[in-house]
Amino acid sequence: MVNALDAGLVTVFVIVIAVTSTAGVTTIEFEPGAVVDLDAAFEALAPRGANDRPHSITIPFVQGKLALGTWQQVVLVEFDTRARSRQVVIQVVGE
């Protein structure tokens, strides 16, 4: 039996399986302008074709819910120009 947790931390980690590929995990307030801005920012910081770098994010949760804004989502950001194999690992620690 799995008990629900009320408060703690959730870590989301992306494992990059292919050589020379990059992906990241972040949160974003999902609206068209923010998506375009995020794409441009990541292209400047981590250009497509850059070396392999795994990324993770840790998000607190309170009263059984992730502590995100009303429109925020957790997203996997793909930095490659073609499909790659990925594995997403989620770890929850709390009480």
N, C-alpha and C. Protein backbone atom coordinates (compact mmCIF):
# COMPACT_ATOMS: atom_id res chain seq x y z
N MET A 1 0.84 -1.18 0.00
CA MET A 1 0.00 0.00 0.00
C MET A 1 0.88 1.24 0.00
N VAL A 2 0.60 2.18 -0.87
CA VAL A 2 1.34 3.44 -0.96
C VAL A 2 0.57 4.52 -0.21
N ASN A 3 1.25 5.17 0.72
CA ASN A 3 0.63 6.26 1.45
C ASN A 3 0.91 7.57 0.72
N ALA A 4 -0.07 8.45 0.69
CA ALA A 4 0.11 9.77 0.08
C ALA A 4 1.02 10.61 0.98
N LEU A 5 1.87 11.40 0.36
CA LEU A 5 2.75 12.29 1.09
C LEU A 5 2.15 13.68 1.09
N ASP A 6 2.34 14.39 2.19
CA ASP A 6 1.77 15.73 2.32
C ASP A 6 2.76 16.81 1.93
N ALA A 7 4.04 16.65 2.30
CA ALA A 7 5.04 17.68 2.03
C ALA A 7 6.38 17.03 1.79
N GLY A 8 7.21 17.67 0.98
CA GLY A 8 8.54 17.15 0.69
C GLY A 8 9.10 17.72 -0.58
N LEU A 9 9.93 16.92 -1.27
CA LEU A 9 10.58 17.34 -2.50
C LEU A 9 10.42 16.28 -3.59
N VAL A 10 10.26 16.74 -4.81
CA VAL A 10 10.23 15.86 -5.98
C VAL A 10 11.41 16.25 -6.84
N THR A 11 12.26 15.28 -7.19
CA THR A 11 13.36 15.52 -8.11
C THR A 11 13.04 14.83 -9.42
N VAL A 12 13.16 15.58 -10.52
CA VAL A 12 12.95 15.04 -11.85
C VAL A 12 14.29 15.13 -12.57
N PHE A 13 14.75 14.01 -13.09
CA PHE A 13 16.06 13.92 -13.72
C PHE A 13 15.93 13.24 -15.07
N VAL A 14 16.58 13.77 -16.08
CA VAL A 14 16.52 13.14 -17.40
C VAL A 14 17.86 12.47 -17.68
N ILE A 15 17.78 11.18 -18.03
CA ILE A 15 18.97 10.42 -18.40
C ILE A 15 19.04 10.42 -19.92
N VAL A 16 20.14 10.91 -20.44
CA VAL A 16 20.34 10.97 -21.88
C VAL A 16 21.04 9.68 -22.29
N ILE A 17 20.37 8.89 -23.12
CA ILE A 17 20.90 7.58 -23.50
C ILE A 17 21.83 7.69 -24.70
N ALA A 18 21.56 8.57 -25.64
CA ALA A 18 22.37 8.69 -26.85
C ALA A 18 23.62 9.53 -26.58
N VAL A 19 24.67 9.23 -27.31
CA VAL A 19 25.90 10.00 -27.21
C VAL A 19 25.68 11.36 -27.89
N THR A 20 26.31 12.38 -27.36
CA THR A 20 26.24 13.76 -27.86
C THR A 20 24.81 14.28 -28.01
N SER A 21 24.01 14.07 -27.00
CA SER A 21 22.67 14.67 -26.99
C SER A 21 22.46 15.38 -25.67
N THR A 22 21.56 16.33 -25.68
CA THR A 22 21.33 17.14 -24.49
C THR A 22 19.83 17.39 -24.31
N ALA A 23 19.39 17.31 -23.07
CA ALA A 23 18.01 17.65 -22.72
C ALA A 23 18.04 18.24 -21.32
N GLY A 24 17.00 18.97 -20.96
CA GLY A 24 16.92 19.56 -19.63
C GLY A 24 15.51 19.48 -19.10
N VAL A 25 15.37 19.69 -17.81
CA VAL A 25 14.07 19.70 -17.16
C VAL A 25 13.93 21.03 -16.45
N THR A 26 12.80 21.69 -16.61
CA THR A 26 12.57 22.99 -15.98
C THR A 26 11.07 23.18 -15.76
N THR A 27 10.70 24.32 -15.25
CA THR A 27 9.29 24.69 -15.18
C THR A 27 9.08 25.89 -16.08
N ILE A 28 7.86 26.06 -16.54
CA ILE A 28 7.54 27.20 -17.39
C ILE A 28 6.06 27.52 -17.22
N GLU A 29 5.75 28.81 -17.25
CA GLU A 29 4.36 29.23 -17.31
C GLU A 29 3.97 29.07 -18.77
N PHE A 30 3.17 28.08 -19.05
CA PHE A 30 2.95 27.65 -20.43
C PHE A 30 2.02 28.57 -21.19
N GLU A 31 2.63 29.51 -21.91
CA GLU A 31 1.90 30.39 -22.83
C GLU A 31 2.84 30.64 -24.00
N PRO A 32 2.30 30.88 -25.20
CA PRO A 32 3.11 30.93 -26.42
C PRO A 32 4.35 31.84 -26.36
N GLY A 33 4.22 33.04 -25.84
CA GLY A 33 5.36 33.95 -25.76
C GLY A 33 6.48 33.41 -24.89
N ALA A 34 6.12 32.82 -23.76
CA ALA A 34 7.12 32.26 -22.85
C ALA A 34 7.84 31.08 -23.49
N VAL A 35 7.11 30.27 -24.25
CA VAL A 35 7.71 29.12 -24.91
C VAL A 35 8.75 29.58 -25.93
N VAL A 36 8.43 30.59 -26.72
CA VAL A 36 9.37 31.13 -27.71
C VAL A 36 10.59 31.73 -27.01
N ASP A 37 10.36 32.49 -25.94
CA ASP A 37 11.46 33.10 -25.19
C ASP A 37 12.37 32.04 -24.58
N LEU A 38 11.78 30.98 -24.03
CA LEU A 38 12.57 29.91 -23.42
C LEU A 38 13.42 29.22 -24.47
N ASP A 39 12.85 28.95 -25.63
CA ASP A 39 13.59 28.32 -26.72
C ASP A 39 14.79 29.17 -27.12
N ALA A 40 14.58 30.47 -27.26
CA ALA A 40 15.68 31.38 -27.64
C ALA A 40 16.75 31.45 -26.55
N ALA A 41 16.34 31.49 -25.30
CA ALA A 41 17.30 31.55 -24.19
C ALA A 41 18.15 30.28 -24.12
N PHE A 42 17.50 29.13 -24.26
CA PHE A 42 18.25 27.88 -24.21
C PHE A 42 19.15 27.72 -25.43
N GLU A 43 18.73 28.20 -26.57
CA GLU A 43 19.60 28.13 -27.76
C GLU A 43 20.86 28.95 -27.53
N ALA A 44 20.74 30.08 -26.83
CA ALA A 44 21.91 30.90 -26.51
C ALA A 44 22.80 30.24 -25.46
N LEU A 45 22.18 29.60 -24.45
CA LEU A 45 22.95 28.98 -23.37
C LEU A 45 23.49 27.60 -23.71
N ALA A 46 22.69 26.81 -24.42
CA ALA A 46 23.07 25.43 -24.75
C ALA A 46 22.71 25.17 -26.21
N PRO A 47 23.53 25.65 -27.13
CA PRO A 47 23.20 25.50 -28.55
C PRO A 47 23.00 24.05 -28.95
N ARG A 48 22.11 23.84 -29.91
CA ARG A 48 21.90 22.50 -30.44
C ARG A 48 23.23 21.97 -30.93
N GLY A 49 23.49 20.70 -30.64
CA GLY A 49 24.76 20.10 -31.04
C GLY A 49 25.83 20.21 -29.97
N ALA A 50 25.52 20.80 -28.81
CA ALA A 50 26.50 20.91 -27.72
C ALA A 50 26.75 19.54 -27.11
N ASN A 51 27.72 19.44 -26.24
CA ASN A 51 28.05 18.17 -25.59
C ASN A 51 26.92 17.69 -24.69
N ASP A 52 26.95 16.39 -24.40
CA ASP A 52 25.97 15.71 -23.56
C ASP A 52 26.02 16.25 -22.13
N ARG A 53 24.88 16.72 -21.63
CA ARG A 53 24.80 17.22 -20.26
C ARG A 53 23.45 16.83 -19.66
N PRO A 54 23.42 16.02 -18.60
CA PRO A 54 22.14 15.72 -17.97
C PRO A 54 21.70 16.88 -17.08
N HIS A 55 20.41 17.07 -16.94
CA HIS A 55 19.87 18.16 -16.14
C HIS A 55 18.76 17.63 -15.25
N SER A 56 18.57 18.26 -14.11
CA SER A 56 17.48 17.87 -13.21
C SER A 56 16.89 19.12 -12.57
N ILE A 57 15.76 18.94 -11.92
CA ILE A 57 15.10 20.02 -11.20
C ILE A 57 14.48 19.42 -9.94
N THR A 58 14.50 20.17 -8.86
CA THR A 58 13.86 19.75 -7.62
C THR A 58 12.75 20.73 -7.31
N ILE A 59 11.56 20.19 -7.02
CA ILE A 59 10.37 21.01 -6.79
C ILE A 59 9.77 20.63 -5.44
N PRO A 60 9.54 21.58 -4.55
CA PRO A 60 8.87 21.25 -3.29
C PRO A 60 7.39 20.96 -3.53
N PHE A 61 6.82 20.14 -2.67
CA PHE A 61 5.37 19.98 -2.70
C PHE A 61 4.82 20.19 -1.30
N VAL A 62 3.64 20.78 -1.23
CA VAL A 62 3.00 21.14 0.03
C VAL A 62 1.53 20.72 -0.06
N GLN A 63 1.04 20.13 1.00
CA GLN A 63 -0.34 19.65 1.05
C GLN A 63 -0.65 18.73 -0.14
N GLY A 64 0.33 17.90 -0.48
CA GLY A 64 0.16 16.90 -1.52
C GLY A 64 0.22 17.41 -2.94
N LYS A 65 0.57 18.70 -3.16
CA LYS A 65 0.62 19.27 -4.50
C LYS A 65 1.96 19.94 -4.75
N LEU A 66 2.44 19.87 -6.02
CA LEU A 66 3.67 20.57 -6.37
C LEU A 66 3.50 22.06 -6.16
N ALA A 67 4.53 22.72 -5.64
CA ALA A 67 4.48 24.16 -5.37
C ALA A 67 4.82 24.92 -6.65
N LEU A 68 3.88 24.90 -7.58
CA LEU A 68 4.03 25.61 -8.85
C LEU A 68 2.97 26.69 -8.95
N GLY A 69 3.21 27.67 -9.81
CA GLY A 69 2.22 28.70 -10.06
C GLY A 69 1.02 28.11 -10.80
N THR A 70 -0.04 28.89 -10.88
CA THR A 70 -1.29 28.43 -11.49
C THR A 70 -1.08 27.83 -12.87
N TRP A 71 -0.27 28.45 -13.71
CA TRP A 71 -0.10 28.00 -15.09
C TRP A 71 1.21 27.29 -15.33
N GLN A 72 2.03 27.13 -14.29
CA GLN A 72 3.33 26.49 -14.47
C GLN A 72 3.20 24.99 -14.69
N GLN A 73 4.11 24.47 -15.50
CA GLN A 73 4.21 23.04 -15.77
C GLN A 73 5.67 22.62 -15.68
N VAL A 74 5.90 21.35 -15.41
CA VAL A 74 7.23 20.79 -15.50
C VAL A 74 7.38 20.30 -16.93
N VAL A 75 8.47 20.70 -17.59
CA VAL A 75 8.66 20.32 -18.99
C VAL A 75 10.05 19.73 -19.22
N LEU A 76 10.13 18.81 -20.16
CA LEU A 76 11.39 18.31 -20.66
C LEU A 76 11.73 19.14 -21.88
N VAL A 77 12.89 19.79 -21.87
CA VAL A 77 13.30 20.64 -22.97
C VAL A 77 14.29 19.87 -23.82
N GLU A 78 13.94 19.66 -25.07
CA GLU A 78 14.76 18.91 -26.02
C GLU A 78 15.69 19.87 -26.74
N PHE A 79 17.00 19.63 -26.66
CA PHE A 79 17.97 20.50 -27.31
C PHE A 79 18.52 19.90 -28.61
N ASP A 80 18.05 18.73 -28.99
CA ASP A 80 18.55 18.07 -30.19
C ASP A 80 17.69 18.39 -31.39
N THR A 81 18.22 18.12 -32.55
CA THR A 81 17.50 18.38 -33.80
C THR A 81 16.80 17.14 -34.33
N ARG A 82 16.94 16.01 -33.63
CA ARG A 82 16.24 14.79 -34.03
C ARG A 82 15.87 13.99 -32.79
N ALA A 83 15.00 13.03 -32.96
CA ALA A 83 14.52 12.23 -31.82
C ALA A 83 15.67 11.46 -31.17
N ARG A 84 15.62 11.37 -29.86
CA ARG A 84 16.62 10.63 -29.07
C ARG A 84 15.90 9.79 -28.03
N SER A 85 16.57 8.75 -27.56
CA SER A 85 16.02 7.96 -26.46
C SER A 85 16.32 8.68 -25.15
N ARG A 86 15.31 8.78 -24.30
CA ARG A 86 15.45 9.45 -23.00
C ARG A 86 14.83 8.56 -21.93
N GLN A 87 15.30 8.72 -20.72
CA GLN A 87 14.65 8.08 -19.58
C GLN A 87 14.51 9.16 -18.52
N VAL A 88 13.30 9.35 -18.01
CA VAL A 88 13.04 10.34 -16.98
C VAL A 88 12.87 9.61 -15.65
N VAL A 89 13.63 10.03 -14.65
CA VAL A 89 13.58 9.44 -13.32
C VAL A 89 12.95 10.46 -12.38
N ILE A 90 11.96 10.03 -11.62
CA ILE A 90 11.30 10.91 -10.65
C ILE A 90 11.47 10.29 -9.26
N GLN A 91 11.98 11.08 -8.34
CA GLN A 91 12.19 10.61 -6.96
C GLN A 91 11.41 11.54 -6.03
N VAL A 92 10.64 10.96 -5.13
CA VAL A 92 9.84 11.73 -4.18
C VAL A 92 10.31 11.42 -2.77
N VAL A 93 10.60 12.46 -2.01
CA VAL A 93 11.00 12.32 -0.61
C VAL A 93 10.11 13.23 0.21
N GLY A 94 9.51 12.71 1.25
CA GLY A 94 8.64 13.57 2.05
C GLY A 94 8.04 12.86 3.23
N GLU A 95 7.03 13.52 3.79
CA GLU A 95 6.36 12.98 4.95
C GLU A 95 4.86 13.03 4.78
